[in-house]
Amino acid sequence: MGVGRSISPLLITAGPTHEPLDAVRYIGNRSSGRLGVALALAALQRGITTTLLLGPTCHDSVSLSRQMHDSAESGAACALRRFTTTADLEAVLADEWPGAYACLIMAAAVADYRLPAHTRDVDKPVSKLRRSDEGLHLDLEATPDLVAACAQRKQGGQTVVAFALEDEVGLAEAAREKMQRKGVDGIVANPLGTMEARSMQASLLWADGTECASGEMDKAVFAGWLIDRLLA
């Protein structure tokens, strides 16, 4: 099963979030955003109007915007917006979704925890924690579940696809449990080794029980494979 209709306009989230601990340190992850960028480019090459929400990665905004524009076919429009923290992404998603989009691909690697609001400078930390031989103990709070929130806000005819990055053993079962818990229409199950790698293999699982698996392929090739599966 695919979406079986146009997925244009398409909204994609990609890259990590950085949750500040002080003015120089943060809680983050190793997501490169490479796959999300490849998904946006693959969609644009297929004439799909695409907005990419990208976290703090090595991608230069001006260069990437130009690359997206140059990749667009058949009059497809493109837009790029950046975020840093989970709160940033939450605000951008509130502005963009559901809107007029047909599909949302949540490929961003959002942090699960952050400092509670009452212990952090919400906008931007201005000081640095000093080193102590006594160590450092952090009291963290869970971040908002952005995937579930977006799934709850979707309107008739819209599709939400999430990602599940899990241990290879029990990957499909963990992905299906996440899909049901989040309330999304489909989920991409990929093993932990995908992060930072240039190639990957994964399975696209749908809520109706159908699934399809890719072989090992470059992330750019996989991106095209996934977009084509959504269109099927």
C-alpha atoms as a PDB file:
ATOM      1  CA  MET A   1       0.000   0.000   0.000  1.00  0.00           C
ATOM      2  CA  GLY A   2       1.115   3.547  -0.747  1.00  0.00           C
ATOM      3  CA  VAL A   3      -0.678   6.818  -0.349  1.00  0.00           C
ATOM      4  CA  GLY A   4      -2.051   6.137  -3.824  1.00  0.00           C
ATOM      5  CA  ARG A   5      -2.499   9.789  -4.705  1.00  0.00           C
ATOM      6  CA  SER A   6      -0.500  12.978  -4.921  1.00  0.00           C
ATOM      7  CA  ILE A   7       1.640  13.732  -1.878  1.00  0.00           C
ATOM      8  CA  SER A   8       2.072  17.330  -3.027  1.00  0.00           C
ATOM      9  CA  PRO A   9       2.484  19.607  -1.205  1.00  0.00           C
ATOM     10  CA  LEU A  10       4.849  17.652   1.031  1.00  0.00           C
ATOM     11  CA  LEU A  11       6.286  18.660   4.425  1.00  0.00           C
ATOM     12  CA  ILE A  12       9.499  16.993   5.654  1.00  0.00           C
ATOM     13  CA  THR A  13      11.337  17.348   8.965  1.00  0.00           C
ATOM     14  CA  ALA A  14      15.000  16.331   9.136  1.00  0.00           C
ATOM     15  CA  GLY A  15      18.138  16.521  11.241  1.00  0.00           C
ATOM     16  CA  PRO A  16      18.654  16.561  15.014  1.00  0.00           C
ATOM     17  CA  THR A  17      17.535  18.900  17.745  1.00  0.00           C
ATOM     18  CA  HIS A  18      19.980  20.483  20.206  1.00  0.00           C
ATOM     19  CA  GLU A  19      18.662  21.029  23.731  1.00  0.00           C
ATOM     20  CA  PRO A  20      20.893  23.573  25.556  1.00  0.00           C
ATOM     21  CA  LEU A  21      22.495  22.713  28.875  1.00  0.00           C
ATOM     22  CA  ASP A  22      24.354  26.021  29.050  1.00  0.00           C
ATOM     23  CA  ALA A  23      25.762  28.579  26.634  1.00  0.00           C
ATOM     24  CA  VAL A  24      28.107  26.066  24.965  1.00  0.00           C
ATOM     25  CA  ARG A  25      26.821  22.551  25.732  1.00  0.00           C
ATOM     26  CA  TYR A  26      23.721  20.747  24.577  1.00  0.00           C
ATOM     27  CA  ILE A  27      21.946  17.394  24.492  1.00  0.00           C
ATOM     28  CA  GLY A  28      21.926  16.167  20.910  1.00  0.00           C
ATOM     29  CA  ASN A  29      22.339  13.137  18.678  1.00  0.00           C
ATOM     30  CA  ARG A  30      24.353  12.079  15.650  1.00  0.00           C
ATOM     31  CA  SER A  31      21.673  12.668  13.016  1.00  0.00           C
ATOM     32  CA  SER A  32      23.213  14.283   9.931  1.00  0.00           C
ATOM     33  CA  GLY A  33      19.952  15.256   8.219  1.00  0.00           C
ATOM     34  CA  ARG A  34      21.337  13.661   5.055  1.00  0.00           C
ATOM     35  CA  LEU A  35      18.327  11.406   4.473  1.00  0.00           C
ATOM     36  CA  GLY A  36      15.778  14.171   5.017  1.00  0.00           C
ATOM     37  CA  VAL A  37      17.582  16.423   2.554  1.00  0.00           C
ATOM     38  CA  ALA A  38      17.708  13.549   0.054  1.00  0.00           C
ATOM     39  CA  LEU A  39      13.962  13.014   0.501  1.00  0.00           C
ATOM     40  CA  ALA A  40      13.276  16.673  -0.243  1.00  0.00           C
ATOM     41  CA  LEU A  41      15.449  16.614  -3.364  1.00  0.00           C
ATOM     42  CA  ALA A  42      13.883  13.352  -4.578  1.00  0.00           C
ATOM     43  CA  ALA A  43      10.402  14.784  -4.110  1.00  0.00           C
ATOM     44  CA  LEU A  44      11.263  17.983  -5.966  1.00  0.00           C
ATOM     45  CA  GLN A  45      12.769  15.972  -8.816  1.00  0.00           C
ATOM     46  CA  ARG A  46       9.366  14.287  -9.135  1.00  0.00           C
ATOM     47  CA  GLY A  47       7.540  17.603  -9.347  1.00  0.00           C
ATOM     48  CA  ILE A  48       6.300  17.554  -5.739  1.00  0.00           C
ATOM     49  CA  THR A  49       6.066  20.927  -4.009  1.00  0.00           C
ATOM     50  CA  THR A  50       8.149  20.471  -0.861  1.00  0.00           C
ATOM     51  CA  THR A  51       8.911  22.324   2.364  1.00  0.00           C
ATOM     52  CA  LEU A  52      11.906  21.086   4.352  1.00  0.00           C
ATOM     53  CA  LEU A  53      12.270  21.830   8.065  1.00  0.00           C
ATOM     54  CA  LEU A  54      15.932  21.181   8.874  1.00  0.00           C
ATOM     55  CA  GLY A  55      17.716  21.093  12.209  1.00  0.00           C
ATOM     56  CA  PRO A  56      21.288  22.089  13.131  1.00  0.00           C
ATOM     57  CA  THR A  57      23.335  20.222  10.519  1.00  0.00           C
ATOM     58  CA  CYS A  58      26.343  21.073   8.371  1.00  0.00           C
ATOM     59  CA  HIS A  59      24.094  22.078   5.460  1.00  0.00           C
ATOM     60  CA  ASP A  60      24.430  25.734   4.472  1.00  0.00           C
ATOM     61  CA  SER A  61      20.968  27.251   4.091  1.00  0.00           C
ATOM     62  CA  VAL A  62      21.778  29.366   1.033  1.00  0.00           C
ATOM     63  CA  SER A  63      23.476  26.523  -0.838  1.00  0.00           C
ATOM     64  CA  LEU A  64      20.774  24.013   0.085  1.00  0.00           C
ATOM     65  CA  SER A  65      17.973  26.380  -0.938  1.00  0.00           C
ATOM     66  CA  ARG A  66      19.676  26.810  -4.299  1.00  0.00           C
ATOM     67  CA  GLN A  67      20.083  23.048  -4.684  1.00  0.00           C
ATOM     68  CA  MET A  68      16.405  22.510  -3.888  1.00  0.00           C
ATOM     69  CA  HIS A  69      15.366  25.162  -6.393  1.00  0.00           C
ATOM     70  CA  ASP A  70      17.586  23.649  -9.093  1.00  0.00           C
ATOM     71  CA  SER A  71      16.150  20.164  -8.421  1.00  0.00           C
ATOM     72  CA  ALA A  72      12.513  21.216  -8.756  1.00  0.00           C
ATOM     73  CA  GLU A  73      10.697  19.862 -11.816  1.00  0.00           C
ATOM     74  CA  SER A  74       7.329  20.644 -13.374  1.00  0.00           C
ATOM     75  CA  GLY A  75       6.890  23.928 -11.541  1.00  0.00           C
ATOM     76  CA  ALA A  76       7.287  22.426  -8.068  1.00  0.00           C
ATOM     77  CA  ALA A  77       7.799  25.062  -5.376  1.00  0.00           C
ATOM     78  CA  CYS A  78      10.259  24.622  -2.517  1.00  0.00           C
ATOM     79  CA  ALA A  79      10.957  26.194   0.849  1.00  0.00           C
ATOM     80  CA  LEU A  80      13.533  25.670   3.597  1.00  0.00           C
ATOM     81  CA  ARG A  81      13.095  26.547   7.266  1.00  0.00           C
ATOM     82  CA  ARG A  82      15.625  25.883  10.038  1.00  0.00           C
ATOM     83  CA  PHE A  83      15.200  24.966  13.707  1.00  0.00           C
ATOM     84  CA  THR A  84      17.546  24.188  16.593  1.00  0.00           C
ATOM     85  CA  THR A  85      15.574  22.982  19.618  1.00  0.00           C
ATOM     86  CA  THR A  86      12.496  20.824  20.018  1.00  0.00           C
ATOM     87  CA  ALA A  87      10.609  23.976  20.990  1.00  0.00           C
ATOM     88  CA  ASP A  88      11.725  25.604  17.737  1.00  0.00           C
ATOM     89  CA  LEU A  89      10.487  22.649  15.687  1.00  0.00           C
ATOM     90  CA  GLU A  90       7.241  22.519  17.657  1.00  0.00           C
ATOM     91  CA  ALA A  91       6.600  26.182  16.819  1.00  0.00           C
ATOM     92  CA  VAL A  92       7.419  25.755  13.120  1.00  0.00           C
ATOM     93  CA  LEU A  93       5.193  22.686  12.879  1.00  0.00           C
ATOM     94  CA  ALA A  94       2.365  24.591  14.556  1.00  0.00           C
ATOM     95  CA  ASP A  95       2.761  27.203  11.831  1.00  0.00           C
ATOM     96  CA  GLU A  96       3.012  24.732   8.922  1.00  0.00           C
ATOM     97  CA  TRP A  97       0.907  21.678   9.790  1.00  0.00           C
ATOM     98  CA  PRO A  98      -1.723  20.662   8.852  1.00  0.00           C
ATOM     99  CA  GLY A  99      -2.111  23.612   6.499  1.00  0.00           C
ATOM    100  CA  ALA A 100      -2.628  22.631   2.873  1.00  0.00           C
ATOM    101  CA  TYR A 101      -0.135  19.759   2.914  1.00  0.00           C
ATOM    102  CA  ALA A 102      -1.037  16.327   1.608  1.00  0.00           C
ATOM    103  CA  CYS A 103       1.696  14.458   3.476  1.00  0.00           C
ATOM    104  CA  LEU A 104       4.128  14.894   6.375  1.00  0.00           C
ATOM    105  CA  ILE A 105       7.326  12.846   6.655  1.00  0.00           C
ATOM    106  CA  MET A 106       8.739  13.134  10.178  1.00  0.00           C
ATOM    107  CA  ALA A 107      12.381  12.189   9.619  1.00  0.00           C
ATOM    108  CA  ALA A 108      13.827  14.541  12.262  1.00  0.00           C
ATOM    109  CA  ALA A 109      15.666  12.940  15.190  1.00  0.00           C
ATOM    110  CA  VAL A 110      14.015  14.877  18.012  1.00  0.00           C
ATOM    111  CA  ALA A 111      15.591  14.718  21.473  1.00  0.00           C
ATOM    112  CA  ASP A 112      13.607  12.750  24.040  1.00  0.00           C
ATOM    113  CA  TYR A 113      14.701  14.868  27.023  1.00  0.00           C
ATOM    114  CA  ARG A 114      15.675  18.440  27.905  1.00  0.00           C
ATOM    115  CA  LEU A 115      16.184  20.611  30.963  1.00  0.00           C
ATOM    116  CA  PRO A 116      12.908  21.656  32.607  1.00  0.00           C
ATOM    117  CA  ALA A 117      11.823  25.195  31.731  1.00  0.00           C
ATOM    118  CA  HIS A 118      12.303  26.467  35.282  1.00  0.00           C
ATOM    119  CA  THR A 119      15.991  25.434  35.281  1.00  0.00           C
ATOM    120  CA  ARG A 120      17.011  26.674  31.834  1.00  0.00           C
ATOM    121  CA  ASP A 121      17.147  29.934  29.946  1.00  0.00           C
ATOM    122  CA  VAL A 122      14.285  29.211  27.560  1.00  0.00           C
ATOM    123  CA  ASP A 123      15.419  31.436  24.700  1.00  0.00           C
ATOM    124  CA  LYS A 124      19.216  31.189  24.813  1.00  0.00           C
ATOM    125  CA  PRO A 125      21.537  30.298  27.705  1.00  0.00           C
ATOM    126  CA  VAL A 126      23.970  33.086  28.528  1.00  0.00           C
ATOM    127  CA  SER A 127      26.252  31.355  31.039  1.00  0.00           C
ATOM    128  CA  LYS A 128      28.455  28.265  31.211  1.00  0.00           C
ATOM    129  CA  LEU A 129      28.337  25.539  33.835  1.00  0.00           C
ATOM    130  CA  ARG A 130      31.645  25.352  35.666  1.00  0.00           C
ATOM    131  CA  ARG A 131      33.434  22.044  36.014  1.00  0.00           C
ATOM    132  CA  SER A 132      33.211  20.398  39.415  1.00  0.00           C
ATOM    133  CA  ASP A 133      35.042  17.363  40.790  1.00  0.00           C
ATOM    134  CA  GLU A 134      31.750  16.408  42.418  1.00  0.00           C
ATOM    135  CA  GLY A 135      30.269  15.653  39.006  1.00  0.00           C
ATOM    136  CA  LEU A 136      27.056  16.898  37.465  1.00  0.00           C
ATOM    137  CA  HIS A 137      23.547  15.582  37.986  1.00  0.00           C
ATOM    138  CA  LEU A 138      20.845  16.658  35.557  1.00  0.00           C
ATOM    139  CA  ASP A 139      17.100  16.589  36.179  1.00  0.00           C
ATOM    140  CA  LEU A 140      15.543  16.276  32.734  1.00  0.00           C
ATOM    141  CA  GLU A 141      11.973  16.408  31.471  1.00  0.00           C
ATOM    142  CA  ALA A 142      10.486  14.615  28.481  1.00  0.00           C
ATOM    143  CA  THR A 143      10.122  16.699  25.336  1.00  0.00           C
ATOM    144  CA  PRO A 144       6.710  17.003  23.650  1.00  0.00           C
ATOM    145  CA  ASP A 145       5.763  14.111  21.372  1.00  0.00           C
ATOM    146  CA  LEU A 146       5.718  16.037  18.104  1.00  0.00           C
ATOM    147  CA  VAL A 147       4.954  13.019  15.920  1.00  0.00           C
ATOM    148  CA  ALA A 148       1.858  12.080  17.915  1.00  0.00           C
ATOM    149  CA  ALA A 149       0.738  15.715  18.057  1.00  0.00           C
ATOM    150  CA  CYS A 150       0.990  16.073  14.281  1.00  0.00           C
ATOM    151  CA  ALA A 151      -0.867  12.789  13.771  1.00  0.00           C
ATOM    152  CA  GLN A 152      -3.676  14.069  15.993  1.00  0.00           C
ATOM    153  CA  ARG A 153      -3.918  17.330  14.033  1.00  0.00           C
ATOM    154  CA  LYS A 154      -4.055  15.782  10.579  1.00  0.00           C
ATOM    155  CA  GLN A 155      -7.201  16.331   8.558  1.00  0.00           C
ATOM    156  CA  GLY A 156      -9.103  14.117   6.139  1.00  0.00           C
ATOM    157  CA  GLY A 157      -6.937  12.916   3.270  1.00  0.00           C
ATOM    158  CA  GLN A 158      -3.628  13.831   4.927  1.00  0.00           C
ATOM    159  CA  THR A 159      -0.917  11.241   5.580  1.00  0.00           C
ATOM    160  CA  VAL A 160       1.719  11.172   8.331  1.00  0.00           C
ATOM    161  CA  VAL A 161       4.782   8.939   7.980  1.00  0.00           C
ATOM    162  CA  ALA A 162       7.241   8.582  10.868  1.00  0.00           C
ATOM    163  CA  PHE A 163      10.609   6.880  11.356  1.00  0.00           C
ATOM    164  CA  ALA A 164      11.620   4.216  13.875  1.00  0.00           C
ATOM    165  CA  LEU A 165      15.352   3.922  14.579  1.00  0.00           C
ATOM    166  CA  GLU A 166      15.745   0.784  16.688  1.00  0.00           C
ATOM    167  CA  ASP A 167      17.991  -2.208  17.357  1.00  0.00           C
ATOM    168  CA  GLU A 168      17.983  -4.613  14.419  1.00  0.00           C
ATOM    169  CA  VAL A 169      16.665  -7.429  16.614  1.00  0.00           C
ATOM    170  CA  GLY A 170      12.915  -6.920  16.947  1.00  0.00           C
ATOM    171  CA  LEU A 171      12.993  -3.891  14.639  1.00  0.00           C
ATOM    172  CA  ALA A 172       9.698  -4.553  12.841  1.00  0.00           C
ATOM    173  CA  GLU A 173       7.815  -5.256  16.069  1.00  0.00           C
ATOM    174  CA  ALA A 174       9.162  -2.101  17.725  1.00  0.00           C
ATOM    175  CA  ALA A 175       8.277  -0.043  14.654  1.00  0.00           C
ATOM    176  CA  ARG A 176       4.709  -1.349  14.525  1.00  0.00           C
ATOM    177  CA  GLU A 177       4.246  -0.639  18.230  1.00  0.00           C
ATOM    178  CA  LYS A 178       5.491   2.912  17.679  1.00  0.00           C
ATOM    179  CA  MET A 179       3.216   3.366  14.671  1.00  0.00           C
ATOM    180  CA  GLN A 180       0.166   2.371  16.704  1.00  0.00           C
ATOM    181  CA  ARG A 181       1.198   4.428  19.731  1.00  0.00           C
ATOM    182  CA  LYS A 182       1.843   7.574  17.689  1.00  0.00           C
ATOM    183  CA  GLY A 183      -1.244   7.157  15.508  1.00  0.00           C
ATOM    184  CA  VAL A 184       0.613   7.608  12.209  1.00  0.00           C
ATOM    185  CA  ASP A 185      -0.342   6.087   8.862  1.00  0.00           C
ATOM    186  CA  GLY A 186       3.040   4.581   8.060  1.00  0.00           C
ATOM    187  CA  ILE A 187       6.493   4.181   9.528  1.00  0.00           C
ATOM    188  CA  VAL A 188       9.982   3.557   8.173  1.00  0.00           C
ATOM    189  CA  ALA A 189      11.769   0.923  10.253  1.00  0.00           C
ATOM    190  CA  ASN A 190      15.532   1.311  10.052  1.00  0.00           C
ATOM    191  CA  PRO A 191      18.343  -0.084  12.247  1.00  0.00           C
ATOM    192  CA  LEU A 192      20.635   1.995  14.438  1.00  0.00           C
ATOM    193  CA  GLY A 193      23.509   1.735  11.968  1.00  0.00           C
ATOM    194  CA  THR A 194      21.619   4.026   9.593  1.00  0.00           C
ATOM    195  CA  MET A 195      22.619   7.121  11.551  1.00  0.00           C
ATOM    196  CA  GLU A 196      25.664   8.849  10.045  1.00  0.00           C
ATOM    197  CA  ALA A 197      25.932   6.141   7.345  1.00  0.00           C
ATOM    198  CA  ARG A 198      25.836   6.916   3.632  1.00  0.00           C
ATOM    199  CA  SER A 199      23.832   3.799   2.769  1.00  0.00           C
ATOM    200  CA  MET A 200      20.883   2.077   4.406  1.00  0.00           C
ATOM    201  CA  GLN A 201      18.188  -0.531   4.141  1.00  0.00           C
ATOM    202  CA  ALA A 202      14.766  -0.207   5.709  1.00  0.00           C
ATOM    203  CA  SER A 203      11.157  -1.321   5.563  1.00  0.00           C
ATOM    204  CA  LEU A 204       8.084   0.842   5.044  1.00  0.00           C
ATOM    205  CA  LEU A 205       5.245  -0.420   7.234  1.00  0.00           C
ATOM    206  CA  TRP A 206       1.624   0.676   6.906  1.00  0.00           C
ATOM    207  CA  ALA A 207      -1.131   0.698   9.508  1.00  0.00           C
ATOM    208  CA  ASP A 208      -3.164  -1.787   7.434  1.00  0.00           C
ATOM    209  CA  GLY A 209      -0.439  -4.398   7.934  1.00  0.00           C
ATOM    210  CA  THR A 210       1.210  -4.191   4.530  1.00  0.00           C
ATOM    211  CA  GLU A 211       4.918  -3.538   4.184  1.00  0.00           C
ATOM    212  CA  CYS A 212       7.708  -3.352   1.640  1.00  0.00           C
ATOM    213  CA  ALA A 213      11.456  -3.639   2.147  1.00  0.00           C
ATOM    214  CA  SER A 214      14.304  -1.926   0.362  1.00  0.00           C
ATOM    215  CA  GLY A 215      17.652  -3.503  -0.307  1.00  0.00           C
ATOM    216  CA  GLU A 216      20.925  -1.942   0.807  1.00  0.00           C
ATOM    217  CA  MET A 217      21.310   1.314  -1.107  1.00  0.00           C
ATOM    218  CA  ASP A 218      22.763   4.797  -0.939  1.00  0.00           C
ATOM    219  CA  LYS A 219      20.601   7.188   1.068  1.00  0.00           C
ATOM    220  CA  ALA A 220      19.913   9.311  -2.014  1.00  0.00           C
ATOM    221  CA  VAL A 221      18.686   6.216  -3.867  1.00  0.00           C
ATOM    222  CA  PHE A 222      16.638   5.130  -0.850  1.00  0.00           C
ATOM    223  CA  ALA A 223      15.032   8.566  -0.719  1.00  0.00           C
ATOM    224  CA  GLY A 224      13.761   8.140  -4.269  1.00  0.00           C
ATOM    225  CA  TRP A 225      12.617   4.611  -3.432  1.00  0.00           C
ATOM    226  CA  LEU A 226      10.607   5.867  -0.461  1.00  0.00           C
ATOM    227  CA  ILE A 227       8.989   8.748  -2.347  1.00  0.00           C
ATOM    228  CA  ASP A 228       7.995   6.324  -5.118  1.00  0.00           C
ATOM    229  CA  ARG A 229       6.501   3.925  -2.553  1.00  0.00           C
ATOM    230  CA  LEU A 230       4.408   6.754  -1.112  1.00  0.00           C
ATOM    231  CA  LEU A 231       3.144   7.587  -4.587  1.00  0.00           C
ATOM    232  CA  ALA A 232       2.353   3.953  -5.467  1.00  0.00           C
END
